[in-house]
Amino acid sequence: MKIQRTKNAGRNIVFGTVLKVYNIVIPFLMRTLMIYQMGMEYAGLNNLFSSLFQVLNLAELGIGAALTFSMYEPIAKDESEKISALLNLYRKCFQIIGGIIFALGLLCMPFLKYLVNGNVPDNLNLQHLYFLYLLNTVLSYWLFSYKKSLIYAFQRNDINSKISLVTYSIQYFLQALVILKLHNYYLYVISSIAAQILLNLISAMVVDKTYPYKPVGKVESVVVVDIKKKVQGLVTNKIGGVIFRSADSIIISAFLGLVVLAQYQNYYYILSAVISIFTIIFEACVAGIGNSIITERKEKNYEDFCTLTFLTGILIGICCACFICLYQPFIQLWVGDENLLSISLIISFVIYFYVYEVDQLISTYKDAAGIWYQDRYRPLLSAILNLTLNIITIRFLGLYGVLYSTIISYIVLSMPWLLFNVFHELFFGMSVRRYILLLLKNIFATLLACVASYLICSKININGLQGLVIRLILTVGISGMIMIAVLFKSREFPPAYKLVRKLIKLRK
């Protein structure tokens, strides 16, 4: 079966972007409904269980990604028997993984009370609620989930995006009715379970019709060995990523309570929405970078690396300035003055965002070059450092301890180690000093942009939506001009300008 790579890539980007934006806007509205109709504690519970089951999903260990990757070659060669054998292995693995998650989830149940500081809403049983979330997670593995590997392997992610748009719409509609009319959190979670079942069933039917491969046969031992090696490289990346994403919420709930967790997550939700937009950009670049690594000289790839860092640095700087100037008026307009955090915490969020995006930028080149095995220890050890600092500092620094534990983990361990791996494996002999100086110049420009934007926006006395829009326009304009003015003399500016003009011409 011939794969139309360019056409598929275009469809994947379009529908992936639509789904990403949809999954930013609609959950934001749902969270707003929950806060106003049911209370901040319910939003905190939702964050807690979501984070907890991200940890339990570690049992997957990257097996899905490794198996899907292993299908690329037999699909290219149209080897139906090998595809069916890999599909069969995928099915067995996911049945086992679902069982392991279910068993681990039940073992965790007695310890739930230690993860919530303070009281749970009177009409809820924490264990019953937890079991519903556990069932939702397990069903995602047991109900034909393995068939979706064919969608990804044939580069038709757009099919999954379309199905997800339909099922998520049904889920959000039912959940909105539950919040507005019934105020029943159990039914809210059951609606999510129903949507998960529907998603898997529709996906299975579409796959059966589009790709009629049956899960039969046995995978050759040499292929199994290759899959195991890929899993070894991916597993620590997966574990480290989950700990970074989930540990903060669990620890805040355990030490500071559900209300503080919900307030923290209000801010983090906005941050993660912007992060997800950058993720789309980075994911869209991976394939092109990978092709360039194979076909172009090392020097050319290094120059592209610096150019991408320069352009991304400008976008990150503008976003940082927007966070500084817009966070408080937006939260005030959204959930009220009583849920505002201090400006010093806002600065902490901005620093967190900056170091996270730089780390993700460098990781894009790591992923494009397939440097997973060489990088296998970094994510895990960085996450362990973050978790240890979290537990130590939250007792006397509160939310500051949570944010700065993550920042320190990135700056002290994760980013230097990642840079070393990328330069050693991909850019050996290229100037690390030049790249670090580029990062420092971007940081300096971002600092100036944030300070100038904040000083000007602080003079605006207009509140509400009108004030928010005025601040947004001013901040984007001021920070953008300052970033470009400071970085104009950089050697990366001409190729960056040339690239932007090329992209604009392609869109016309």
Protein backbone atom coordinates (compact mmCIF):
# COMPACT_ATOMS: atom_id res chain seq x y z
CA MET A 1 0.00 0.00 0.00
CA LYS A 2 1.61 3.23 -1.18
CA ILE A 3 1.80 6.05 1.35
CA GLN A 4 1.41 9.65 0.18
CA ARG A 5 3.82 11.22 2.65
CA THR A 6 3.42 14.89 1.72
CA LYS A 7 -0.37 14.71 1.53
CA ASN A 8 -0.57 12.76 4.79
CA ALA A 9 1.75 15.21 6.55
CA GLY A 10 -0.45 18.12 5.48
CA ARG A 11 -3.60 16.40 6.70
CA ASN A 12 -1.96 15.44 9.99
CA ILE A 13 -0.80 19.02 10.69
CA VAL A 14 -4.19 20.57 9.81
CA PHE A 15 -6.37 18.19 11.79
CA GLY A 16 -3.81 17.85 14.57
CA THR A 17 -3.82 21.63 15.00
CA VAL A 18 -7.63 21.76 14.93
CA LEU A 19 -7.82 19.04 17.60
CA LYS A 20 -5.15 20.74 19.73
CA VAL A 21 -6.94 24.11 19.66
CA TYR A 22 -10.26 22.37 20.35
CA ASN A 23 -8.73 20.58 23.34
CA ILE A 24 -7.48 23.90 24.70
CA VAL A 25 -10.65 25.96 24.31
CA ILE A 26 -13.39 23.47 25.25
CA PRO A 27 -11.72 22.04 28.40
CA PHE A 28 -11.06 25.64 29.46
CA LEU A 29 -14.81 26.34 29.20
CA MET A 30 -15.58 23.07 31.03
CA ARG A 31 -13.18 23.96 33.83
CA THR A 32 -14.82 27.39 34.11
CA LEU A 33 -18.26 25.76 34.38
CA MET A 34 -17.02 23.35 37.04
CA ILE A 35 -15.44 26.11 39.14
CA TYR A 36 -18.55 28.29 39.08
CA GLN A 37 -21.21 25.58 39.26
CA MET A 38 -19.60 22.99 41.56
CA GLY A 39 -16.61 24.60 43.29
CA MET A 40 -12.83 24.83 43.25
CA GLU A 41 -12.40 21.49 45.12
CA TYR A 42 -13.92 19.57 42.20
CA ALA A 43 -11.49 21.17 39.76
CA GLY A 44 -8.68 20.20 42.14
CA LEU A 45 -9.89 16.58 42.25
CA ASN A 46 -9.95 16.44 38.46
CA ASN A 47 -6.34 17.68 38.31
CA LEU A 48 -5.23 15.23 41.01
CA PHE A 49 -6.68 12.12 39.37
CA SER A 50 -5.48 13.15 35.92
CA SER A 51 -1.93 13.47 37.27
CA LEU A 52 -2.16 10.24 39.24
CA PHE A 53 -3.20 8.19 36.22
CA GLN A 54 -0.47 9.72 34.10
CA VAL A 55 1.87 8.05 36.58
CA LEU A 56 0.05 4.70 36.34
CA ASN A 57 0.27 4.91 32.55
CA LEU A 58 4.02 4.48 32.97
CA ALA A 59 3.30 0.76 32.71
CA GLU A 60 3.09 1.32 28.94
CA LEU A 61 6.84 2.10 29.00
CA GLY A 62 6.97 3.38 25.42
CA ILE A 63 6.10 -0.03 23.99
CA GLY A 64 3.43 1.49 21.75
CA ALA A 65 5.86 3.93 20.13
CA ALA A 66 8.49 1.22 19.61
CA LEU A 67 6.00 -1.21 18.03
CA THR A 68 4.51 1.45 15.77
CA PHE A 69 8.03 2.45 14.65
CA SER A 70 8.73 -1.25 13.86
CA MET A 71 5.78 -1.31 11.44
CA TYR A 72 7.28 1.32 9.14
CA GLU A 73 9.56 -1.05 7.23
CA PRO A 74 7.07 -3.91 6.61
CA ILE A 75 4.46 -1.32 5.56
CA ALA A 76 6.92 0.21 3.08
CA LYS A 77 7.63 -3.28 1.69
CA ASP A 78 3.95 -4.30 1.83
CA GLU A 79 4.77 -7.36 4.00
CA SER A 80 1.27 -8.21 5.25
CA GLU A 81 2.30 -11.18 7.39
CA LYS A 82 4.85 -9.14 9.37
CA ILE A 83 2.32 -6.33 9.87
CA SER A 84 -0.24 -8.84 11.19
CA ALA A 85 2.35 -10.41 13.50
CA LEU A 86 3.35 -7.01 14.92
CA LEU A 87 -0.33 -6.16 15.37
CA ASN A 88 -0.79 -9.40 17.28
CA LEU A 89 2.18 -8.60 19.52
CA TYR A 90 0.76 -5.12 20.09
CA ARG A 91 -2.61 -6.63 21.10
CA LYS A 92 -1.01 -9.00 23.62
CA CYS A 93 1.20 -6.25 25.07
CA PHE A 94 -1.73 -3.90 25.58
CA GLN A 95 -3.83 -6.61 27.24
CA ILE A 96 -0.97 -7.23 29.69
CA ILE A 97 -0.35 -3.50 30.23
CA GLY A 98 -4.04 -2.92 30.97
CA GLY A 99 -3.94 -5.74 33.53
CA ILE A 100 -0.81 -4.36 35.19
CA ILE A 101 -2.33 -0.86 35.44
CA PHE A 102 -5.53 -2.29 36.90
CA ALA A 103 -3.58 -4.29 39.53
CA LEU A 104 -1.30 -1.35 40.42
CA GLY A 105 -4.31 0.94 40.58
CA LEU A 106 -6.08 -1.32 43.06
CA LEU A 107 -2.91 -1.54 45.18
CA CYS A 108 -2.75 2.27 45.32
CA MET A 109 -6.33 2.62 46.51
CA PRO A 110 -5.62 2.33 50.28
CA PHE A 111 -3.16 5.24 50.07
CA LEU A 112 -5.56 7.76 48.48
CA LYS A 113 -6.26 9.53 51.75
CA TYR A 114 -2.61 10.58 51.99
CA LEU A 115 -2.79 12.38 48.62
CA VAL A 116 -5.44 14.89 49.68
CA ASN A 117 -4.74 17.54 52.31
CA GLY A 118 -8.01 18.70 53.87
CA ASN A 119 -11.56 17.61 53.16
CA VAL A 120 -13.12 16.06 50.08
CA PRO A 121 -16.64 17.30 49.12
CA ASP A 122 -19.18 15.58 51.39
CA ASN A 123 -21.13 13.91 48.60
CA LEU A 124 -18.11 12.09 47.18
CA ASN A 125 -16.42 8.82 48.10
CA LEU A 126 -12.76 9.16 47.12
CA GLN A 127 -12.30 5.43 46.50
CA HIS A 128 -15.41 5.08 44.32
CA LEU A 129 -14.33 8.06 42.27
CA TYR A 130 -10.80 6.70 41.95
CA PHE A 131 -12.14 3.35 40.70
CA LEU A 132 -14.08 5.09 37.92
CA TYR A 133 -10.93 6.88 36.78
CA LEU A 134 -9.03 3.58 36.94
CA LEU A 135 -11.68 1.87 34.82
CA ASN A 136 -11.47 4.64 32.24
CA THR A 137 -7.70 4.23 31.96
CA VAL A 138 -7.78 0.43 31.75
CA LEU A 139 -10.50 0.39 29.08
CA SER A 140 -8.32 2.64 26.93
CA TYR A 141 -5.90 -0.32 26.67
CA TRP A 142 -8.31 -3.26 26.58
CA LEU A 143 -10.86 -2.06 24.00
CA PHE A 144 -9.12 -2.54 20.62
CA SER A 145 -6.60 0.21 21.34
CA TYR A 146 -3.89 -1.80 19.57
CA LYS A 147 -5.65 -1.25 16.22
CA LYS A 148 -4.88 2.47 16.34
CA SER A 149 -1.20 1.59 15.81
CA LEU A 150 -2.06 1.03 12.13
CA ILE A 151 -3.43 4.58 11.86
CA TYR A 152 -0.15 5.99 13.19
CA ALA A 153 2.10 3.60 11.25
CA PHE A 154 0.36 4.47 7.96
CA GLN A 155 0.82 8.17 8.84
CA ARG A 156 -2.93 8.81 8.99
CA ASN A 157 -3.06 10.55 12.37
CA ASP A 158 -5.75 12.76 10.86
CA ILE A 159 -8.20 9.84 11.07
CA ASN A 160 -7.67 9.63 14.82
CA SER A 161 -8.02 13.43 15.08
CA LYS A 162 -11.37 13.38 13.27
CA ILE A 163 -12.74 10.55 15.42
CA SER A 164 -11.49 12.28 18.56
CA LEU A 165 -13.22 15.53 17.58
CA VAL A 166 -16.55 13.68 17.32
CA THR A 167 -16.23 11.66 20.54
CA TYR A 168 -14.83 14.55 22.57
CA SER A 169 -17.73 16.73 21.43
CA ILE A 170 -20.19 14.12 22.70
CA GLN A 171 -18.24 13.83 25.97
CA TYR A 172 -18.10 17.59 26.59
CA PHE A 173 -21.78 18.01 25.73
CA LEU A 174 -22.80 15.33 28.23
CA GLN A 175 -20.45 16.70 30.90
CA ALA A 176 -21.76 20.24 30.43
CA LEU A 177 -25.33 18.96 30.95
CA VAL A 178 -24.22 17.10 34.08
CA ILE A 179 -22.52 20.19 35.54
CA LEU A 180 -25.36 22.59 34.72
CA LYS A 181 -28.36 20.40 35.52
CA LEU A 182 -27.35 17.54 37.84
CA HIS A 183 -24.19 18.76 39.67
CA ASN A 184 -23.10 15.11 39.95
CA TYR A 185 -19.37 14.50 39.69
CA TYR A 186 -19.81 10.72 39.35
CA LEU A 187 -21.87 11.20 36.18
CA TYR A 188 -19.25 13.66 34.97
CA VAL A 189 -16.59 10.92 35.12
CA ILE A 190 -18.95 8.26 33.70
CA SER A 191 -19.50 10.51 30.66
CA SER A 192 -15.74 10.40 30.09
CA ILE A 193 -15.77 6.58 30.30
CA ALA A 194 -18.61 6.37 27.77
CA ALA A 195 -16.69 8.64 25.38
CA GLN A 196 -13.54 6.51 25.77
CA ILE A 197 -15.49 3.36 24.88
CA LEU A 198 -17.06 5.10 21.89
CA LEU A 199 -13.65 6.40 20.71
CA ASN A 200 -12.10 2.93 20.77
CA LEU A 201 -15.06 1.22 19.09
CA ILE A 202 -15.30 3.76 16.24
CA SER A 203 -11.51 3.66 15.76
CA ALA A 204 -11.59 -0.15 15.56
CA MET A 205 -14.37 -0.11 12.95
CA VAL A 206 -12.59 2.50 10.81
CA VAL A 207 -9.29 0.58 11.01
CA ASP A 208 -10.98 -2.73 10.08
CA LYS A 209 -12.49 -1.08 7.02
CA THR A 210 -9.37 0.86 5.95
CA TYR A 211 -6.57 -1.55 6.89
CA PRO A 212 -7.88 -5.15 6.91
CA TYR A 213 -4.99 -6.75 8.81
CA LYS A 214 -5.73 -9.43 11.41
CA PRO A 215 -3.72 -9.82 14.65
CA VAL A 216 -2.19 -13.23 13.84
CA GLY A 217 1.30 -14.71 13.64
CA LYS A 218 4.53 -14.47 15.57
CA VAL A 219 7.18 -11.75 15.34
CA GLU A 220 10.73 -12.83 14.46
CA SER A 221 13.17 -12.88 17.37
CA VAL A 222 15.50 -10.34 15.74
CA VAL A 223 12.61 -7.87 15.51
CA VAL A 224 11.73 -8.46 19.17
CA VAL A 225 15.33 -7.69 20.16
CA ASP A 226 15.24 -4.45 18.16
CA ILE A 227 11.94 -3.45 19.80
CA LYS A 228 13.37 -4.15 23.25
CA LYS A 229 16.34 -1.86 22.55
CA LYS A 230 14.02 0.92 21.37
CA VAL A 231 11.94 0.50 24.52
CA GLN A 232 15.08 0.78 26.67
CA GLY A 233 15.79 4.15 25.09
CA LEU A 234 12.20 5.38 25.33
CA VAL A 235 11.26 4.12 28.79
CA THR A 236 13.36 6.56 30.82
CA ASN A 237 12.20 9.44 28.62
CA LYS A 238 8.61 8.41 29.33
CA ILE A 239 9.14 7.94 33.08
CA GLY A 240 11.01 11.23 33.42
CA GLY A 241 8.39 13.12 31.42
CA VAL A 242 5.49 11.75 33.46
CA ILE A 243 7.20 12.55 36.77
CA PHE A 244 7.89 16.11 35.60
CA ARG A 245 4.27 16.58 34.45
CA SER A 246 2.46 14.79 37.28
CA ALA A 247 4.53 14.99 40.47
CA ASP A 248 3.82 18.68 41.06
CA SER A 249 0.03 18.25 41.19
CA ILE A 250 0.15 15.18 43.42
CA ILE A 251 2.55 16.82 45.88
CA ILE A 252 0.56 20.08 45.99
CA SER A 253 -2.61 18.11 46.76
CA ALA A 254 -0.88 16.06 49.47
CA PHE A 255 0.76 19.03 51.22
CA LEU A 256 -1.31 22.12 50.39
CA GLY A 257 -4.81 20.83 49.57
CA LEU A 258 -7.27 20.72 46.66
CA VAL A 259 -8.11 24.44 46.63
CA VAL A 260 -4.45 25.49 46.33
CA LEU A 261 -3.98 22.79 43.66
CA ALA A 262 -6.92 24.17 41.67
CA GLN A 263 -5.58 27.75 41.95
CA TYR A 264 -2.15 26.57 40.81
CA GLN A 265 -3.72 24.61 37.94
CA ASN A 266 -5.70 27.65 36.79
CA TYR A 267 -2.38 29.34 36.04
CA TYR A 268 -0.73 26.20 34.76
CA TYR A 269 -3.65 25.51 32.43
CA ILE A 270 -3.01 28.78 30.57
CA LEU A 271 0.72 28.02 30.51
CA SER A 272 0.17 24.50 29.16
CA ALA A 273 -2.13 25.83 26.44
CA VAL A 274 0.70 28.00 25.08
CA ILE A 275 3.16 25.11 25.54
CA SER A 276 0.91 22.90 23.41
CA ILE A 277 1.06 25.44 20.56
CA PHE A 278 4.86 25.31 20.65
CA THR A 279 4.60 21.50 20.70
CA ILE A 280 2.71 21.62 17.39
CA ILE A 281 5.54 23.72 15.91
CA PHE A 282 8.27 21.39 17.19
CA GLU A 283 6.44 18.22 16.10
CA ALA A 284 5.90 19.70 12.65
CA CYS A 285 9.68 20.32 12.38
CA VAL A 286 10.85 16.86 13.46
CA ALA A 287 10.41 15.07 10.13
CA GLY A 288 12.08 17.88 8.15
CA ILE A 289 14.97 18.07 10.62
CA GLY A 290 15.39 14.29 10.47
CA ASN A 291 15.55 14.40 6.67
CA SER A 292 18.06 17.26 6.80
CA ILE A 293 20.27 15.36 9.25
CA ILE A 294 20.47 12.50 6.76
CA THR A 295 20.89 14.53 3.55
CA GLU A 296 22.77 17.70 4.57
CA ARG A 297 26.22 18.43 5.99
CA LYS A 298 26.73 18.75 9.73
CA GLU A 299 27.65 22.42 9.37
CA LYS A 300 24.39 23.17 7.54
CA ASN A 301 22.35 21.42 10.24
CA TYR A 302 24.18 23.33 12.97
CA GLU A 303 23.38 26.66 11.26
CA ASP A 304 19.73 25.58 11.00
CA PHE A 305 19.79 24.65 14.69
CA CYS A 306 20.98 28.14 15.60
CA THR A 307 18.45 29.78 13.26
CA LEU A 308 15.56 27.80 14.75
CA THR A 309 16.77 28.67 18.26
CA PHE A 310 16.92 32.37 17.30
CA LEU A 311 13.38 32.42 15.87
CA THR A 312 11.92 30.33 18.67
CA GLY A 313 13.67 32.55 21.22
CA ILE A 314 11.83 35.60 19.87
CA LEU A 315 8.47 33.82 20.10
CA ILE A 316 9.24 32.57 23.61
CA GLY A 317 10.28 36.07 24.68
CA ILE A 318 7.03 37.60 23.43
CA CYS A 319 5.03 34.89 25.23
CA CYS A 320 6.95 35.54 28.48
CA ALA A 321 6.10 39.25 28.27
CA CYS A 322 2.44 38.38 27.66
CA PHE A 323 2.39 36.12 30.72
CA ILE A 324 3.88 38.85 32.90
CA CYS A 325 1.39 41.49 31.72
CA LEU A 326 -1.78 39.44 31.12
CA TYR A 327 -1.79 36.61 33.68
CA GLN A 328 -3.31 38.58 36.56
CA PRO A 329 -6.00 40.50 34.64
CA PHE A 330 -7.01 37.29 32.83
CA ILE A 331 -7.29 35.20 36.03
CA GLN A 332 -9.12 38.08 37.72
CA LEU A 333 -11.62 38.21 34.86
CA TRP A 334 -11.93 34.40 34.72
CA VAL A 335 -12.18 33.19 38.34
CA GLY A 336 -12.10 36.34 40.48
CA ASP A 337 -9.71 38.19 42.81
CA GLU A 338 -9.85 35.49 45.49
CA ASN A 339 -7.99 33.06 43.21
CA LEU A 340 -5.10 35.37 42.28
CA LEU A 341 -1.55 34.30 43.12
CA SER A 342 1.27 36.76 43.85
CA ILE A 343 3.24 38.52 41.10
CA SER A 344 6.41 36.78 42.32
CA LEU A 345 4.74 33.43 41.58
CA ILE A 346 3.86 34.74 38.11
CA ILE A 347 7.55 35.45 37.54
CA SER A 348 8.29 31.88 38.67
CA PHE A 349 5.79 30.53 36.12
CA VAL A 350 7.44 32.63 33.38
CA ILE A 351 10.92 31.33 34.22
CA TYR A 352 9.54 27.78 34.25
CA PHE A 353 7.98 28.34 30.81
CA TYR A 354 11.23 29.71 29.37
CA VAL A 355 13.50 26.88 30.50
CA TYR A 356 10.89 24.27 29.55
CA GLU A 357 10.59 25.55 25.97
CA VAL A 358 14.36 25.77 25.47
CA ASP A 359 14.64 22.18 26.72
CA GLN A 360 11.89 21.10 24.30
CA LEU A 361 13.59 22.92 21.41
CA ILE A 362 16.85 21.04 21.97
CA SER A 363 14.90 17.80 22.48
CA THR A 364 13.38 18.26 19.01
CA TYR A 365 16.83 17.73 17.50
CA LYS A 366 17.45 14.81 19.84
CA ASP A 367 14.24 13.12 18.66
CA ALA A 368 14.87 13.89 14.99
CA ALA A 369 18.32 12.30 15.26
CA GLY A 370 16.99 9.30 17.24
CA ILE A 371 19.35 9.95 20.19
CA TRP A 372 17.10 8.07 22.64
CA TYR A 373 19.38 5.31 23.82
CA GLN A 374 22.33 7.66 24.45
CA ASP A 375 19.99 10.02 26.31
CA ARG A 376 18.25 7.32 28.37
CA TYR A 377 19.53 8.28 31.84
CA ARG A 378 19.03 12.06 31.67
CA PRO A 379 15.20 12.29 31.85
CA LEU A 380 14.95 9.86 34.75
CA LEU A 381 17.69 11.39 36.88
CA SER A 382 16.39 14.92 36.18
CA ALA A 383 12.90 13.84 37.24
CA ILE A 384 14.23 12.22 40.43
CA LEU A 385 16.06 15.45 41.30
CA ASN A 386 12.86 17.41 40.66
CA LEU A 387 10.76 15.08 42.82
CA THR A 388 13.29 15.13 45.67
CA LEU A 389 13.52 18.93 45.67
CA ASN A 390 9.71 19.14 45.50
CA ILE A 391 9.25 17.06 48.64
CA ILE A 392 11.95 18.99 50.52
CA THR A 393 11.06 22.56 49.52
CA ILE A 394 7.25 22.50 49.51
CA ARG A 395 7.23 22.24 53.32
CA PHE A 396 8.73 25.71 53.80
CA LEU A 397 8.41 27.42 50.38
CA GLY A 398 4.96 26.22 49.30
CA LEU A 399 4.21 26.75 45.59
CA TYR A 400 7.55 28.51 45.13
CA GLY A 401 9.27 25.27 46.09
CA VAL A 402 7.29 23.32 43.48
CA LEU A 403 8.12 25.72 40.63
CA TYR A 404 11.75 26.32 41.50
CA SER A 405 12.41 22.61 42.01
CA THR A 406 11.46 22.08 38.38
CA ILE A 407 13.43 25.12 37.19
CA ILE A 408 16.56 24.01 39.05
CA SER A 409 16.23 20.47 37.68
CA TYR A 410 16.15 21.80 34.12
CA ILE A 411 18.96 24.35 34.49
CA VAL A 412 21.36 22.34 36.64
CA LEU A 413 20.94 18.86 35.16
CA SER A 414 18.53 18.34 32.26
CA MET A 415 19.54 21.09 29.81
CA PRO A 416 23.37 20.85 30.19
CA TRP A 417 23.21 17.05 29.82
CA LEU A 418 20.86 17.29 26.84
CA LEU A 419 23.11 19.84 25.14
CA PHE A 420 26.12 17.58 25.70
CA ASN A 421 24.33 14.59 24.12
CA VAL A 422 23.11 16.57 21.11
CA PHE A 423 26.51 18.18 20.44
CA HIS A 424 28.42 14.94 21.07
CA GLU A 425 26.21 12.77 18.87
CA LEU A 426 25.03 15.25 16.24
CA PHE A 427 27.15 18.42 16.26
CA PHE A 428 30.53 17.09 17.35
CA GLY A 429 33.19 19.72 16.61
CA MET A 430 30.68 22.57 16.31
CA SER A 431 30.87 25.58 18.66
CA VAL A 432 28.99 25.00 21.91
CA ARG A 433 30.14 28.45 23.06
CA ARG A 434 28.37 30.16 20.17
CA TYR A 435 25.13 28.37 20.96
CA ILE A 436 25.26 29.18 24.69
CA LEU A 437 25.96 32.86 23.88
CA LEU A 438 22.93 32.82 21.58
CA LEU A 439 20.79 31.50 24.44
CA LEU A 440 22.15 34.18 26.79
CA LYS A 441 21.39 36.95 24.28
CA ASN A 442 17.85 35.62 23.94
CA ILE A 443 17.48 35.62 27.73
CA PHE A 444 18.73 39.22 27.97
CA ALA A 445 16.35 40.37 25.23
CA THR A 446 13.45 38.54 26.91
CA LEU A 447 14.24 40.19 30.24
CA LEU A 448 14.21 43.67 28.69
CA ALA A 449 10.99 42.92 26.81
CA CYS A 450 9.25 41.70 29.97
CA VAL A 451 10.33 44.64 32.12
CA ALA A 452 9.44 47.29 29.53
CA SER A 453 6.07 45.69 28.74
CA TYR A 454 5.17 45.34 32.41
CA LEU A 455 6.09 48.96 33.25
CA ILE A 456 3.96 50.31 30.40
CA CYS A 457 0.99 47.97 31.00
CA SER A 458 0.99 48.79 34.73
CA LYS A 459 0.03 52.38 33.79
CA ILE A 460 -3.21 51.19 32.16
CA ASN A 461 -6.21 51.64 34.46
CA ILE A 462 -8.80 49.97 32.21
CA ASN A 463 -10.12 46.66 33.60
CA GLY A 464 -12.21 43.84 32.18
CA LEU A 465 -12.05 42.39 28.66
CA GLN A 466 -11.28 45.77 27.08
CA GLY A 467 -8.26 46.28 29.31
CA LEU A 468 -7.07 42.74 28.57
CA VAL A 469 -7.20 43.30 24.81
CA ILE A 470 -5.37 46.65 25.08
CA ARG A 471 -2.63 45.09 27.21
CA LEU A 472 -2.30 42.19 24.75
CA ILE A 473 -1.82 44.48 21.74
CA LEU A 474 0.67 46.68 23.59
CA THR A 475 2.63 43.76 25.00
CA VAL A 476 2.99 41.92 21.70
CA GLY A 477 4.04 45.14 19.92
CA ILE A 478 6.49 46.37 22.58
CA SER A 479 8.08 43.01 23.36
CA GLY A 480 8.39 42.10 19.66
CA MET A 481 10.13 45.37 18.79
CA ILE A 482 12.51 45.08 21.77
CA MET A 483 13.40 41.45 20.99
CA ILE A 484 14.19 42.30 17.35
CA ALA A 485 16.07 45.50 18.25
CA VAL A 486 18.33 43.69 20.72
CA LEU A 487 18.96 40.69 18.45
CA PHE A 488 19.15 42.56 15.14
CA LYS A 489 22.98 42.40 15.00
CA SER A 490 23.09 38.63 15.65
CA ARG A 491 24.59 36.50 12.89
CA GLU A 492 21.43 34.37 13.01
CA PHE A 493 19.20 37.31 12.02
CA PRO A 494 19.75 37.24 8.20
CA PRO A 495 19.03 33.50 7.76
CA ALA A 496 16.09 33.77 10.18
CA TYR A 497 14.65 36.70 8.21
CA LYS A 498 15.15 34.79 4.97
CA LEU A 499 13.35 31.74 6.41
CA VAL A 500 10.38 33.82 7.60
CA ARG A 501 10.03 35.42 4.15
CA LYS A 502 10.13 31.99 2.54
CA LEU A 503 7.40 30.69 4.85
CA ILE A 504 5.21 33.73 4.13
CA LYS A 505 5.60 33.18 0.35
CA LEU A 506 4.60 29.51 0.73
CA ARG A 507 1.36 30.55 2.41
CA LYS A 508 0.38 32.92 -0.38
